[in-house]
């Protein structure tokens, strides 16, 4: 093996790795021993000291979660992990989107009076909760903030802050999800308790939480740098071996995904949306209870509820997206005819649900390849809630900060990171914000950035359309944000086609160069007209085990009819 790779690693996979900066086998072995050490993450010493004291004194700890999959899995990791490490009174609360707003708010602090916690630990939030942290401390509670979002100009006056994205933090992986930050805090706490001789027999096995860490990391779409890939790979390994938490096993069951064949995409597209659905339409406490369930029957009941909520969410999302596309029809028509149109989009409807606007913004952004913000009425405070999604080259959180600086008082609150953010503003400020935001985008985005690109790993020879390569590509990840799943492109002859399901295009193809036959599926790919006799496809090579056929097929990502 002159290039350092074992002979069994397919040359195509080596090519794919090289394109993603992987040049050595050690970079994709994904061994837990290769994790960055917790000692590199700032703020852990004080947070560990507070937690160790709380455990020793039997203080009441309340984990403050967030209403997305990262926050839900992070809350479950915190509750399970603290209990494993000896905490006897650990509870959780999660803000309700309409009642409390985002994160640790003064309204949520007021609602904690019934349980009188001694120590609050935020997960996946808190770095922007200046008022909420102040209210908690004024009420006599200590506060540990664990978060991964970018800090604003003012930090909350918490007793401890753990966030790899603090300006002076030297942790090399800035892409830890909220659940990853919490896992690192538990690792540091276990090391501290070990030095204190707290484990008389065997110390707790925190690797049992890695399935939850993997789901939250993938679902939050953080960049899968090498450190995150180690975490996700370890979690996938546990799940494939049937060692997942009962709640995750139940969610896989209702989603129809066999554990032994799981890939990272299943975590993002099957598990993440079902967990998220509770926080979008109902109360995220339901999703967290599912992840904390130890009884499989109880977990299945909760997972079934989440699945039903997710179906309702899909229907509502479809209606809202139709309305959003109608609002943006003029801009869409200009873009699809080759023009530029607006550099960004802002859409709003008084009847939209605030829990679904993020999905609408994401889908509309994909359609127009423009930064997009969708707004809905927000709840009891009267503010509109906006969810923003961006494109490469436009840092959405920084853009909101610049709008806020140029127009003081226009935005009530905002936070987020490069590709996604949230904000609140008064209804009467919506039009002024829309004008300011679109003007800022027009100033900073040129035509090159506003043209969508689909990157390809090149063509595959006919002999590469094989089961062996499909399996190696499936298992060669975990793939995800920042470490994209391999996509190839080539021309094929269409020998047959039919429509399946709700507008999905099933095709029988022959490789244009060799004539080798292969099947393909293009989800939502039927636009009312038949495909041409020759097509140029961007595709992924996948295993096809439908009805035990043990074959391969192409999963089409983009199709161009060529003749």
Protein backbone atom coordinates (compact mmCIF):
# COMPACT_ATOMS: atom_id res chain seq x y z
CA UNK A 1 0.00 0.00 0.00
CA UNK A 2 2.38 2.74 -1.25
CA UNK A 3 -0.04 5.61 -0.49
CA UNK A 4 -0.61 4.46 3.10
CA UNK A 5 -4.11 3.04 2.54
CA UNK A 6 -4.99 -0.63 3.00
CA UNK A 7 -5.59 -2.49 -0.24
CA UNK A 8 -9.27 -3.03 0.53
CA UNK A 9 -10.03 0.73 0.52
CA UNK A 10 -11.54 1.43 -2.91
CA UNK A 11 -9.58 3.93 -5.06
CA UNK A 12 -12.76 6.01 -5.48
CA UNK A 13 -13.12 6.32 -1.71
CA UNK A 14 -9.47 7.38 -1.46
CA UNK A 15 -10.20 10.04 -4.09
CA UNK A 16 -13.24 11.23 -2.13
CA UNK A 17 -11.23 11.44 1.08
CA UNK A 18 -8.45 13.40 -0.59
CA UNK A 19 -10.97 15.96 -1.87
CA UNK A 20 -12.05 16.50 1.76
CA UNK A 21 -8.54 16.94 3.08
CA UNK A 22 -8.15 13.41 4.44
CA UNK A 23 -4.73 12.08 3.55
CA UNK A 24 -4.07 9.51 6.28
CA UNK A 25 -5.95 6.48 7.55
CA UNK A 26 -5.71 7.83 11.11
CA UNK A 27 -8.03 10.70 10.13
CA UNK A 28 -10.91 8.32 9.44
CA UNK A 29 -10.31 5.64 12.07
CA UNK A 30 -12.56 7.64 14.41
CA UNK A 31 -11.19 6.22 17.63
CA UNK A 32 -12.41 7.78 20.88
CA UNK A 33 -8.80 8.03 22.01
CA UNK A 34 -8.36 10.64 19.30
CA UNK A 35 -10.86 13.07 20.84
CA UNK A 36 -9.55 16.48 21.78
CA UNK A 37 -8.99 16.46 25.56
CA UNK A 38 -11.47 18.35 27.78
CA UNK A 39 -8.56 20.26 29.32
CA UNK A 40 -8.46 22.39 26.16
CA UNK A 41 -12.01 23.71 26.62
CA UNK A 42 -12.25 26.89 28.65
CA UNK A 43 -14.59 27.39 31.58
CA UNK A 44 -14.73 23.75 32.58
CA UNK A 45 -12.82 24.08 35.86
CA UNK A 46 -15.36 26.43 37.46
CA UNK A 47 -18.35 24.54 36.01
CA UNK A 48 -16.97 21.24 37.32
CA UNK A 49 -16.37 22.78 40.75
CA UNK A 50 -20.00 23.93 40.94
CA UNK A 51 -21.39 20.57 39.82
CA UNK A 52 -19.15 18.58 42.15
CA UNK A 53 -20.31 20.74 45.06
CA UNK A 54 -23.95 20.30 44.04
CA UNK A 55 -23.52 16.52 43.94
CA UNK A 56 -21.71 16.40 47.29
CA UNK A 57 -24.36 18.54 49.01
CA UNK A 58 -27.39 16.93 47.30
CA UNK A 59 -28.41 20.25 45.81
CA UNK A 60 -31.25 20.41 43.31
CA UNK A 61 -29.94 20.76 39.76
CA UNK A 62 -32.23 21.87 36.95
CA UNK A 63 -31.11 21.47 33.34
CA UNK A 64 -32.53 24.17 31.06
CA UNK A 65 -32.97 22.71 27.61
CA UNK A 66 -33.79 24.11 24.21
CA UNK A 67 -36.57 23.33 21.78
CA UNK A 68 -34.59 21.68 18.99
CA UNK A 69 -32.95 18.26 18.59
CA UNK A 70 -29.56 19.50 19.75
CA UNK A 71 -31.10 21.00 22.87
CA UNK A 72 -33.27 17.94 23.51
CA UNK A 73 -30.44 15.43 23.15
CA UNK A 74 -28.15 17.71 25.16
CA UNK A 75 -30.71 17.87 27.95
CA UNK A 76 -31.05 14.08 27.96
CA UNK A 77 -27.24 13.72 28.04
CA UNK A 78 -27.04 16.17 30.95
CA UNK A 79 -29.78 14.50 33.01
CA UNK A 80 -28.58 10.95 32.34
CA UNK A 81 -24.90 11.87 32.77
CA UNK A 82 -25.33 13.79 36.03
CA UNK A 83 -27.35 10.94 37.48
CA UNK A 84 -24.64 8.48 36.44
CA UNK A 85 -22.08 10.67 38.21
CA UNK A 86 -23.97 10.68 41.49
CA UNK A 87 -26.45 13.57 41.36
CA UNK A 88 -29.67 12.46 43.08
CA UNK A 89 -31.92 15.44 42.36
CA UNK A 90 -31.71 16.34 38.69
CA UNK A 91 -34.66 17.78 36.84
CA UNK A 92 -35.13 19.56 33.56
CA UNK A 93 -37.21 22.35 32.15
CA UNK A 94 -37.46 23.49 28.59
CA UNK A 95 -38.90 26.86 27.54
CA UNK A 96 -42.18 26.86 25.66
CA UNK A 97 -41.77 28.73 22.39
CA UNK A 98 -44.94 30.81 22.75
CA UNK A 99 -44.94 31.33 26.53
CA UNK A 100 -41.30 31.84 27.46
CA UNK A 101 -39.49 32.67 24.24
CA UNK A 102 -35.95 31.45 23.66
CA UNK A 103 -33.58 30.09 26.29
CA UNK A 104 -33.36 31.04 29.93
CA UNK A 105 -35.74 34.00 29.98
CA UNK A 106 -37.06 35.91 33.02
CA UNK A 107 -40.46 34.33 32.31
CA UNK A 108 -38.97 30.84 32.54
CA UNK A 109 -37.09 31.74 35.71
CA UNK A 110 -40.38 32.85 37.28
CA UNK A 111 -41.93 29.49 36.40
CA UNK A 112 -39.11 27.65 38.19
CA UNK A 113 -40.34 28.86 41.59
CA UNK A 114 -42.36 25.67 42.07
CA UNK A 115 -39.22 23.48 42.15
CA UNK A 116 -36.75 25.97 43.70
CA UNK A 117 -33.55 24.73 42.02
CA UNK A 118 -30.17 25.53 43.57
CA UNK A 119 -28.18 25.27 40.34
CA UNK A 120 -29.25 25.82 36.73
CA UNK A 121 -27.32 24.32 33.83
CA UNK A 122 -28.25 25.57 30.37
CA UNK A 123 -27.78 23.38 27.30
CA UNK A 124 -27.44 24.69 23.74
CA UNK A 125 -28.46 28.16 24.92
CA UNK A 126 -27.71 30.80 27.49
CA UNK A 127 -24.93 32.81 25.88
CA UNK A 128 -27.48 35.43 24.77
CA UNK A 129 -29.71 35.15 27.88
CA UNK A 130 -28.33 38.13 29.77
CA UNK A 131 -31.66 39.08 31.39
CA UNK A 132 -32.64 35.51 32.24
CA UNK A 133 -29.32 34.69 33.89
CA UNK A 134 -29.55 37.91 35.91
CA UNK A 135 -33.09 37.01 37.02
CA UNK A 136 -31.99 33.51 38.07
CA UNK A 137 -29.07 34.80 40.13
CA UNK A 138 -31.27 37.46 41.71
CA UNK A 139 -33.57 34.63 42.78
CA UNK A 140 -30.67 32.89 44.54
CA UNK A 141 -29.81 30.31 41.89
CA UNK A 142 -26.34 29.63 40.59
CA UNK A 143 -26.08 29.35 36.79
CA UNK A 144 -23.75 27.37 34.51
CA UNK A 145 -24.12 28.32 30.85
CA UNK A 146 -23.15 25.66 28.30
CA UNK A 147 -23.61 26.76 24.73
CA UNK A 148 -21.97 26.78 21.31
CA UNK A 149 -23.62 29.80 19.71
CA UNK A 150 -21.63 32.94 18.98
CA UNK A 151 -21.56 35.43 21.86
CA UNK A 152 -22.92 38.95 21.54
CA UNK A 153 -21.34 42.16 22.77
CA UNK A 154 -22.39 41.39 26.35
CA UNK A 155 -21.97 38.07 28.13
CA UNK A 156 -24.40 36.90 30.80
CA UNK A 157 -23.06 37.18 34.36
CA UNK A 158 -23.25 33.45 34.97
CA UNK A 159 -21.26 31.60 37.63
CA UNK A 160 -19.53 29.65 34.83
CA UNK A 161 -19.64 29.71 31.04
CA UNK A 162 -18.51 26.83 28.80
CA UNK A 163 -18.57 27.72 25.11
CA UNK A 164 -15.84 26.90 22.56
CA UNK A 165 -16.84 29.99 20.58
CA UNK A 166 -16.01 32.52 23.28
CA UNK A 167 -13.54 34.97 21.81
CA UNK A 168 -10.64 33.94 24.05
CA UNK A 169 -11.32 30.20 24.10
CA UNK A 170 -8.55 28.08 22.60
CA UNK A 171 -10.52 24.87 21.99
CA UNK A 172 -9.50 23.75 18.46
CA UNK A 173 -12.94 22.48 17.41
CA UNK A 174 -15.28 25.44 17.16
CA UNK A 175 -17.96 23.21 15.67
CA UNK A 176 -19.04 21.33 18.80
CA UNK A 177 -22.82 21.16 18.99
CA UNK A 178 -24.58 22.02 22.23
CA UNK A 179 -24.83 18.33 23.08
CA UNK A 180 -21.10 17.97 22.45
CA UNK A 181 -20.29 20.80 24.86
CA UNK A 182 -22.39 19.09 27.53
CA UNK A 183 -20.66 15.75 26.90
CA UNK A 184 -17.27 17.42 27.37
CA UNK A 185 -18.46 18.93 30.65
CA UNK A 186 -19.44 15.47 31.87
CA UNK A 187 -16.06 14.05 30.84
CA UNK A 188 -14.32 16.76 32.85
CA UNK A 189 -16.62 16.22 35.84
CA UNK A 190 -15.92 12.48 35.81
CA UNK A 191 -12.16 13.12 35.74
CA UNK A 192 -12.51 15.50 38.70
CA UNK A 193 -14.57 13.01 40.73
CA UNK A 194 -12.07 10.27 39.87
CA UNK A 195 -9.24 12.32 41.36
CA UNK A 196 -11.35 12.80 44.47
CA UNK A 197 -11.73 9.02 44.81
CA UNK A 198 -15.52 9.13 44.39
CA UNK A 199 -15.72 5.88 42.43
CA UNK A 200 -15.17 3.02 44.83
CA UNK A 201 -15.92 0.28 42.29
CA UNK A 202 -16.28 0.99 38.59
CA UNK A 203 -16.60 4.53 37.30
CA UNK A 204 -19.64 5.44 35.16
CA UNK A 205 -19.45 4.65 31.45
CA UNK A 206 -20.23 7.93 29.71
CA UNK A 207 -19.85 6.26 26.30
CA UNK A 208 -23.42 5.05 26.83
CA UNK A 209 -24.49 8.62 26.00
CA UNK A 210 -22.74 8.79 22.63
CA UNK A 211 -25.82 7.75 20.65
CA UNK A 212 -27.56 10.91 21.91
CA UNK A 213 -24.45 12.98 21.18
CA UNK A 214 -24.37 11.67 17.61
CA UNK A 215 -28.03 12.45 16.93
CA UNK A 216 -27.83 16.00 18.29
CA UNK A 217 -24.59 16.74 16.45
CA UNK A 218 -25.88 15.61 13.06
CA UNK A 219 -29.35 17.12 13.52
CA UNK A 220 -27.89 20.54 14.36
CA UNK A 221 -25.94 20.52 11.10
CA UNK A 222 -22.68 21.66 12.67
CA UNK A 223 -19.55 21.03 10.65
CA UNK A 224 -18.37 17.44 10.98
CA UNK A 225 -14.73 18.18 11.61
CA UNK A 226 -12.52 15.32 12.73
CA UNK A 227 -13.50 15.68 16.39
CA UNK A 228 -17.22 15.66 15.63
CA UNK A 229 -16.80 12.72 13.27
CA UNK A 230 -15.25 10.72 16.13
CA UNK A 231 -18.25 11.49 18.34
CA UNK A 232 -20.79 10.66 15.61
CA UNK A 233 -19.00 7.49 14.51
CA UNK A 234 -18.91 6.21 18.09
CA UNK A 235 -22.62 6.92 18.53
CA UNK A 236 -23.51 5.22 15.25
CA UNK A 237 -21.48 2.18 16.27
CA UNK A 238 -23.50 1.82 19.47
CA UNK A 239 -26.78 2.23 17.63
CA UNK A 240 -25.89 -0.29 14.93
CA UNK A 241 -25.00 -2.76 17.68
CA UNK A 242 -28.47 -2.38 19.23
CA UNK A 243 -27.15 -0.41 22.23
CA UNK A 244 -29.10 2.81 21.67
CA UNK A 245 -31.19 4.39 24.41
CA UNK A 246 -34.76 3.00 24.48
CA UNK A 247 -36.15 6.30 23.16
CA UNK A 248 -33.88 6.30 20.12
CA UNK A 249 -34.65 2.61 19.45
CA UNK A 250 -38.36 3.46 19.56
CA UNK A 251 -37.93 6.41 17.21
CA UNK A 252 -36.05 4.19 14.76
CA UNK A 253 -38.88 1.68 14.96
CA UNK A 254 -41.62 4.21 14.12
CA UNK A 255 -39.43 5.63 11.35
CA UNK A 256 -38.90 2.18 9.84
CA UNK A 257 -35.09 2.40 9.97
CA UNK A 258 -33.25 -0.83 10.88
CA UNK A 259 -30.48 0.01 13.39
CA UNK A 260 -27.87 -2.24 11.82
CA UNK A 261 -27.92 -0.22 8.57
CA UNK A 262 -27.92 3.27 10.07
CA UNK A 263 -25.97 6.08 8.48
CA UNK A 264 -25.50 9.67 9.57
CA UNK A 265 -28.22 10.77 7.13
CA UNK A 266 -30.73 8.66 9.08
CA UNK A 267 -29.89 10.64 12.21
CA UNK A 268 -30.55 13.92 10.42
CA UNK A 269 -33.58 12.96 8.35
CA UNK A 270 -35.37 10.30 10.42
CA UNK A 271 -34.58 10.94 14.09
CA UNK A 272 -33.89 14.67 14.18
CA UNK A 273 -37.22 15.79 12.65
CA UNK A 274 -39.26 13.56 14.96
CA UNK A 275 -37.51 14.94 18.04
CA UNK A 276 -37.76 18.48 16.68
CA UNK A 277 -41.48 18.13 15.97
CA UNK A 278 -42.35 18.28 19.68
CA UNK A 279 -40.61 21.64 20.10
CA UNK A 280 -42.06 23.02 16.88
CA UNK A 281 -45.75 22.29 17.45
CA UNK A 282 -46.16 21.09 21.04
CA UNK A 283 -43.80 21.04 24.02
CA UNK A 284 -40.22 19.79 23.66
CA UNK A 285 -40.60 18.16 27.07
CA UNK A 286 -42.33 15.32 25.23
CA UNK A 287 -39.25 14.71 23.07
CA UNK A 288 -36.92 14.84 26.07
CA UNK A 289 -39.13 12.44 28.05
CA UNK A 290 -38.83 10.00 25.14
CA UNK A 291 -35.04 10.26 25.23
CA UNK A 292 -35.02 9.77 29.01
CA UNK A 293 -37.40 6.80 29.04
CA UNK A 294 -35.84 3.58 30.33
CA UNK A 295 -38.86 1.37 29.68
CA UNK A 296 -39.10 0.31 26.03
CA UNK A 297 -42.91 0.21 25.99
CA UNK A 298 -43.14 3.71 27.44
CA UNK A 299 -40.53 4.93 24.97
CA UNK A 300 -42.53 3.48 22.07
CA UNK A 301 -45.70 5.25 23.22
CA UNK A 302 -43.85 8.56 23.31
CA UNK A 303 -42.13 7.89 19.97
CA UNK A 304 -45.50 7.16 18.38
CA UNK A 305 -46.80 10.51 19.64
CA UNK A 306 -43.74 12.26 18.22
CA UNK A 307 -44.23 10.53 14.88
CA UNK A 308 -47.84 11.73 14.72
CA UNK A 309 -46.77 15.31 15.57
CA UNK A 310 -44.10 15.10 12.88
CA UNK A 311 -46.70 14.13 10.26
CA UNK A 312 -48.77 17.13 11.33
CA UNK A 313 -45.65 19.27 11.07
CA UNK A 314 -44.99 18.07 7.51
CA UNK A 315 -48.51 18.98 6.43
CA UNK A 316 -48.30 22.42 8.02
CA UNK A 317 -44.85 22.99 6.55
CA UNK A 318 -46.13 22.15 3.07
CA UNK A 319 -48.96 24.68 3.36
CA UNK A 320 -46.70 27.42 4.70
CA UNK A 321 -44.05 26.77 2.06
CA UNK A 322 -46.65 27.07 -0.70
CA UNK A 323 -47.71 30.43 0.70
CA UNK A 324 -44.10 31.57 1.05
CA UNK A 325 -43.30 30.62 -2.54
CA UNK A 326 -46.38 32.55 -3.70
CA UNK A 327 -45.14 35.63 -1.83
CA UNK A 328 -41.72 35.27 -3.45
CA UNK A 329 -43.06 34.30 -6.89
CA UNK A 330 -41.76 37.42 -8.61
CA UNK A 331 -38.23 36.96 -7.30
CA UNK A 332 -38.30 33.23 -8.05
CA UNK A 333 -39.40 33.88 -11.65
CA UNK A 334 -36.56 36.38 -12.20
CA UNK A 335 -33.97 33.98 -10.74
CA UNK A 336 -35.21 30.96 -12.68
CA UNK A 337 -35.13 32.97 -15.93
CA UNK A 338 -31.47 33.79 -15.35
CA UNK A 339 -31.82 37.18 -13.67
CA UNK A 340 -30.65 38.23 -10.24
CA UNK A 341 -33.73 39.44 -8.36
CA UNK A 342 -33.47 40.43 -4.71
CA UNK A 343 -30.29 39.46 -2.85
CA UNK A 344 -32.32 38.19 0.13
CA UNK A 345 -35.90 37.32 1.06
CA UNK A 346 -38.11 38.12 4.05
CA UNK A 347 -41.57 36.54 4.24
CA UNK A 348 -44.32 36.76 6.86
CA UNK A 349 -47.88 35.61 7.41
CA UNK A 350 -50.02 36.37 10.44
CA UNK A 351 -51.34 32.79 10.50
CA UNK A 352 -47.98 31.01 10.38
CA UNK A 353 -46.73 28.88 13.26
CA UNK A 354 -43.45 30.14 14.78
CA UNK A 355 -42.22 26.59 15.26
CA UNK A 356 -42.18 25.89 11.52
CA UNK A 357 -40.76 29.12 10.07
CA UNK A 358 -37.21 27.78 10.29
CA UNK A 359 -38.09 24.90 7.98
CA UNK A 360 -39.88 27.27 5.59
CA UNK A 361 -36.86 29.59 5.53
CA UNK A 362 -34.57 26.63 4.86
CA UNK A 363 -36.63 25.25 1.96
CA UNK A 364 -37.16 28.67 0.39
CA UNK A 365 -33.43 29.39 0.73
CA UNK A 366 -32.68 26.16 -1.15
CA UNK A 367 -35.10 27.17 -3.91
CA UNK A 368 -33.69 30.66 -4.51
CA UNK A 369 -30.15 30.36 -3.09
CA UNK A 370 -30.58 33.58 -1.16
CA UNK A 371 -30.39 34.38 2.58
CA UNK A 372 -33.98 33.96 3.74
CA UNK A 373 -35.88 34.95 6.87
CA UNK A 374 -39.41 33.74 7.63
CA UNK A 375 -41.46 35.47 10.34
CA UNK A 376 -44.51 34.47 12.37
CA UNK A 377 -46.36 35.94 15.35
CA UNK A 378 -44.34 35.02 18.41
CA UNK A 379 -46.57 34.70 21.43
CA UNK A 380 -47.48 36.60 24.55
CA UNK A 381 -44.90 39.41 24.22
CA UNK A 382 -46.34 40.57 20.89
CA UNK A 383 -43.04 40.32 19.00
CA UNK A 384 -42.64 38.58 15.66
CA UNK A 385 -40.30 35.58 15.69
CA UNK A 386 -37.99 35.25 12.71
CA UNK A 387 -35.90 32.30 11.66
CA UNK A 388 -33.02 32.97 9.27
CA UNK A 389 -31.10 30.62 6.98
CA UNK A 390 -28.11 31.60 4.89
CA UNK A 391 -25.82 30.53 2.06
CA UNK A 392 -22.02 30.11 2.02
CA UNK A 393 -20.34 33.49 1.98
CA UNK A 394 -22.93 35.37 4.07
CA UNK A 395 -22.62 35.12 7.86
CA UNK A 396 -26.22 35.56 8.92
CA UNK A 397 -25.64 36.22 12.62
CA UNK A 398 -23.04 38.89 11.84
CA UNK A 399 -25.41 40.40 9.25
CA UNK A 400 -28.12 40.75 11.90
CA UNK A 401 -25.60 42.33 14.26
CA UNK A 402 -24.71 44.89 11.56
CA UNK A 403 -28.36 45.70 10.86
CA UNK A 404 -28.92 46.16 14.60
CA UNK A 405 -25.89 48.48 14.84
CA UNK A 406 -26.96 50.58 11.85
CA UNK A 407 -30.59 50.80 12.99
CA UNK A 408 -30.69 50.89 16.82
CA UNK A 409 -33.94 49.58 18.27
CA UNK A 410 -35.03 47.88 15.04
CA UNK A 411 -34.32 44.33 16.30
CA UNK A 412 -35.38 43.39 19.83
CA UNK A 413 -33.21 40.26 20.16
CA UNK A 414 -31.11 38.05 17.91
CA UNK A 415 -28.58 35.21 18.07
CA UNK A 416 -27.20 32.31 16.10
CA UNK A 417 -24.24 31.44 13.91
CA UNK A 418 -23.03 31.62 10.33
CA UNK A 419 -25.75 29.64 8.56
CA UNK A 420 -28.75 29.97 10.89
CA UNK A 421 -30.05 32.55 13.32
CA UNK A 422 -33.16 33.71 15.12
CA UNK A 423 -34.51 37.15 15.92
CA UNK A 424 -37.45 38.98 17.43
CA UNK A 425 -38.84 42.35 16.39
CA UNK A 426 -41.94 44.45 16.83
CA UNK A 427 -44.55 44.00 14.05
CA UNK A 428 -44.36 47.68 13.09
CA UNK A 429 -40.61 47.27 12.41
CA UNK A 430 -40.98 44.42 9.93
CA UNK A 431 -40.99 46.48 6.73
CA UNK A 432 -38.08 48.67 7.83
CA UNK A 433 -36.12 45.56 8.77
CA UNK A 434 -36.90 43.89 5.43
CA UNK A 435 -35.61 46.90 3.50
CA UNK A 436 -32.47 47.18 5.64
CA UNK A 437 -31.69 43.45 5.50
CA UNK A 438 -32.12 43.16 1.73
CA UNK A 439 -30.01 46.29 1.20
CA UNK A 440 -27.21 44.84 3.34
CA UNK A 441 -27.32 41.55 1.43
CA UNK A 442 -27.25 43.39 -1.92
CA UNK A 443 -24.18 45.33 -0.80
CA UNK A 444 -22.26 42.21 0.29
CA UNK A 445 -23.32 39.49 -2.14
CA UNK A 446 -22.08 39.45 -5.70
CA UNK A 447 -23.44 37.43 -8.60
CA UNK A 448 -20.95 34.62 -8.04
CA UNK A 449 -22.09 33.96 -4.49
CA UNK A 450 -25.75 34.12 -5.50
CA UNK A 451 -25.35 31.31 -8.04
CA UNK A 452 -25.88 27.89 -6.49
CA UNK A 453 -23.16 25.32 -7.02
CA UNK A 454 -23.41 21.56 -6.85
CA UNK A 455 -19.96 20.09 -6.30
CA UNK A 456 -19.17 16.69 -7.76
CA UNK A 457 -16.59 14.03 -6.98
CA UNK A 458 -16.39 13.33 -10.72
CA UNK A 459 -17.59 10.43 -12.83
CA UNK A 460 -17.66 6.74 -11.96
CA UNK A 461 -16.56 4.06 -14.38
CA UNK A 462 -19.10 1.34 -15.09
CA UNK A 463 -17.21 -1.16 -12.95
CA UNK A 464 -17.44 1.24 -10.02
CA UNK A 465 -21.24 1.03 -9.95
CA UNK A 466 -20.80 -1.86 -7.56
CA UNK A 467 -22.12 -3.08 -4.24
CA UNK A 468 -18.63 -3.04 -2.75
CA UNK A 469 -18.11 0.65 -3.48
CA UNK A 470 -21.65 1.54 -2.38
CA UNK A 471 -21.04 -0.13 0.99
CA UNK A 472 -17.63 1.51 1.41
CA UNK A 473 -19.12 4.92 0.66
CA UNK A 474 -21.98 4.27 3.10
CA UNK A 475 -19.59 3.25 5.86
CA UNK A 476 -16.79 5.69 4.99
CA UNK A 477 -18.30 8.64 6.84
CA UNK A 478 -19.92 9.79 8.95
CA UNK A 479 -20.84 12.29 6.25
CA UNK A 480 -22.56 15.60 6.90
CA UNK A 481 -22.10 19.34 7.06
CA UNK A 482 -18.50 20.24 6.23
CA UNK A 483 -17.73 16.63 5.25
CA UNK A 484 -20.28 16.11 2.47
CA UNK A 485 -21.55 12.78 1.29
CA UNK A 486 -19.94 11.81 -2.04
CA UNK A 487 -21.81 13.00 -5.14
CA UNK A 488 -20.81 11.90 -8.65
CA UNK A 489 -21.98 12.96 -12.11
CA UNK A 490 -22.21 11.34 -15.52
CA UNK A 491 -24.44 10.85 -18.56
CA UNK A 492 -26.90 7.97 -18.84
CA UNK A 493 -29.41 6.66 -21.36
CA UNK A 494 -32.96 6.37 -20.02
CA UNK A 495 -34.42 2.98 -20.96
CA UNK A 496 -37.54 3.24 -18.82
CA UNK A 497 -39.24 5.37 -16.20
CA UNK A 498 -42.34 5.63 -14.03
CA UNK A 499 -43.75 7.86 -11.31
CA UNK A 500 -43.91 6.38 -7.81
CA UNK A 501 -45.43 7.82 -4.66
CA UNK A 502 -46.03 11.56 -4.63
CA UNK A 503 -44.09 12.76 -7.64
CA UNK A 504 -40.97 10.60 -7.29
CA UNK A 505 -39.28 9.59 -10.55
CA UNK A 506 -38.00 6.01 -10.86
CA UNK A 507 -35.71 5.44 -13.85
CA UNK A 508 -33.98 2.53 -15.51
CA UNK A 509 -30.68 3.68 -16.97
CA UNK A 510 -27.68 2.55 -18.96
CA UNK A 511 -24.24 4.04 -18.43
CA UNK A 512 -23.59 6.21 -21.50
CA UNK A 513 -20.04 4.96 -21.96
CA UNK A 514 -20.40 1.24 -21.24
CA UNK A 515 -24.09 0.44 -21.44
CA UNK A 516 -24.11 -1.04 -17.93
CA UNK A 517 -27.71 -1.05 -16.57
CA UNK A 518 -28.64 0.53 -13.24
CA UNK A 519 -31.75 1.83 -11.48
CA UNK A 520 -32.18 5.36 -10.15
CA UNK A 521 -34.64 7.21 -7.94
CA UNK A 522 -35.19 10.99 -8.00
CA UNK A 523 -37.35 12.03 -5.06
CA UNK A 524 -39.83 14.77 -6.02
CA UNK A 525 -38.18 14.63 -9.44
CA UNK A 526 -41.27 14.37 -11.67
CA UNK A 527 -42.30 17.82 -12.91
CA UNK A 528 -45.07 16.62 -15.21
CA UNK A 529 -42.90 15.91 -18.25
CA UNK A 530 -41.03 12.69 -19.09
CA UNK A 531 -37.24 12.65 -18.78
CA UNK A 532 -35.27 12.90 -22.03
CA UNK A 533 -33.72 9.83 -23.59
CA UNK A 534 -30.31 11.00 -22.35
CA UNK A 535 -29.73 12.68 -19.01
CA UNK A 536 -26.79 14.13 -17.13
CA UNK A 537 -27.16 13.26 -13.46
CA UNK A 538 -25.57 14.31 -10.21
CA UNK A 539 -26.08 11.32 -7.94
CA UNK A 540 -25.07 9.30 -4.93
CA UNK A 541 -24.31 5.60 -5.22
CA UNK A 542 -26.41 3.71 -2.67
CA UNK A 543 -27.09 0.16 -1.60
CA UNK A 544 -30.55 -1.10 -2.57
CA UNK A 545 -31.88 -3.77 -0.23
CA UNK A 546 -35.57 -3.44 -1.08
CA UNK A 547 -37.13 -6.91 -0.90
CA UNK A 548 -33.69 -8.36 -0.13
CA UNK A 549 -32.34 -7.66 -3.60
CA UNK A 550 -28.84 -6.69 -2.31
CA UNK A 551 -28.16 -4.38 -5.24
CA UNK A 552 -27.27 -0.76 -5.90
CA UNK A 553 -29.10 2.27 -7.23
CA UNK A 554 -28.43 5.92 -7.95
CA UNK A 555 -30.00 8.52 -5.68
CA UNK A 556 -30.40 11.48 -8.04
CA UNK A 557 -29.62 14.92 -6.63
CA UNK A 558 -29.93 16.89 -9.89
CA UNK A 559 -30.98 16.05 -13.44
CA UNK A 560 -30.33 17.83 -16.71
CA UNK A 561 -32.04 16.51 -19.86
CA UNK A 562 -29.49 16.51 -22.70
CA UNK A 563 -31.20 14.76 -25.61
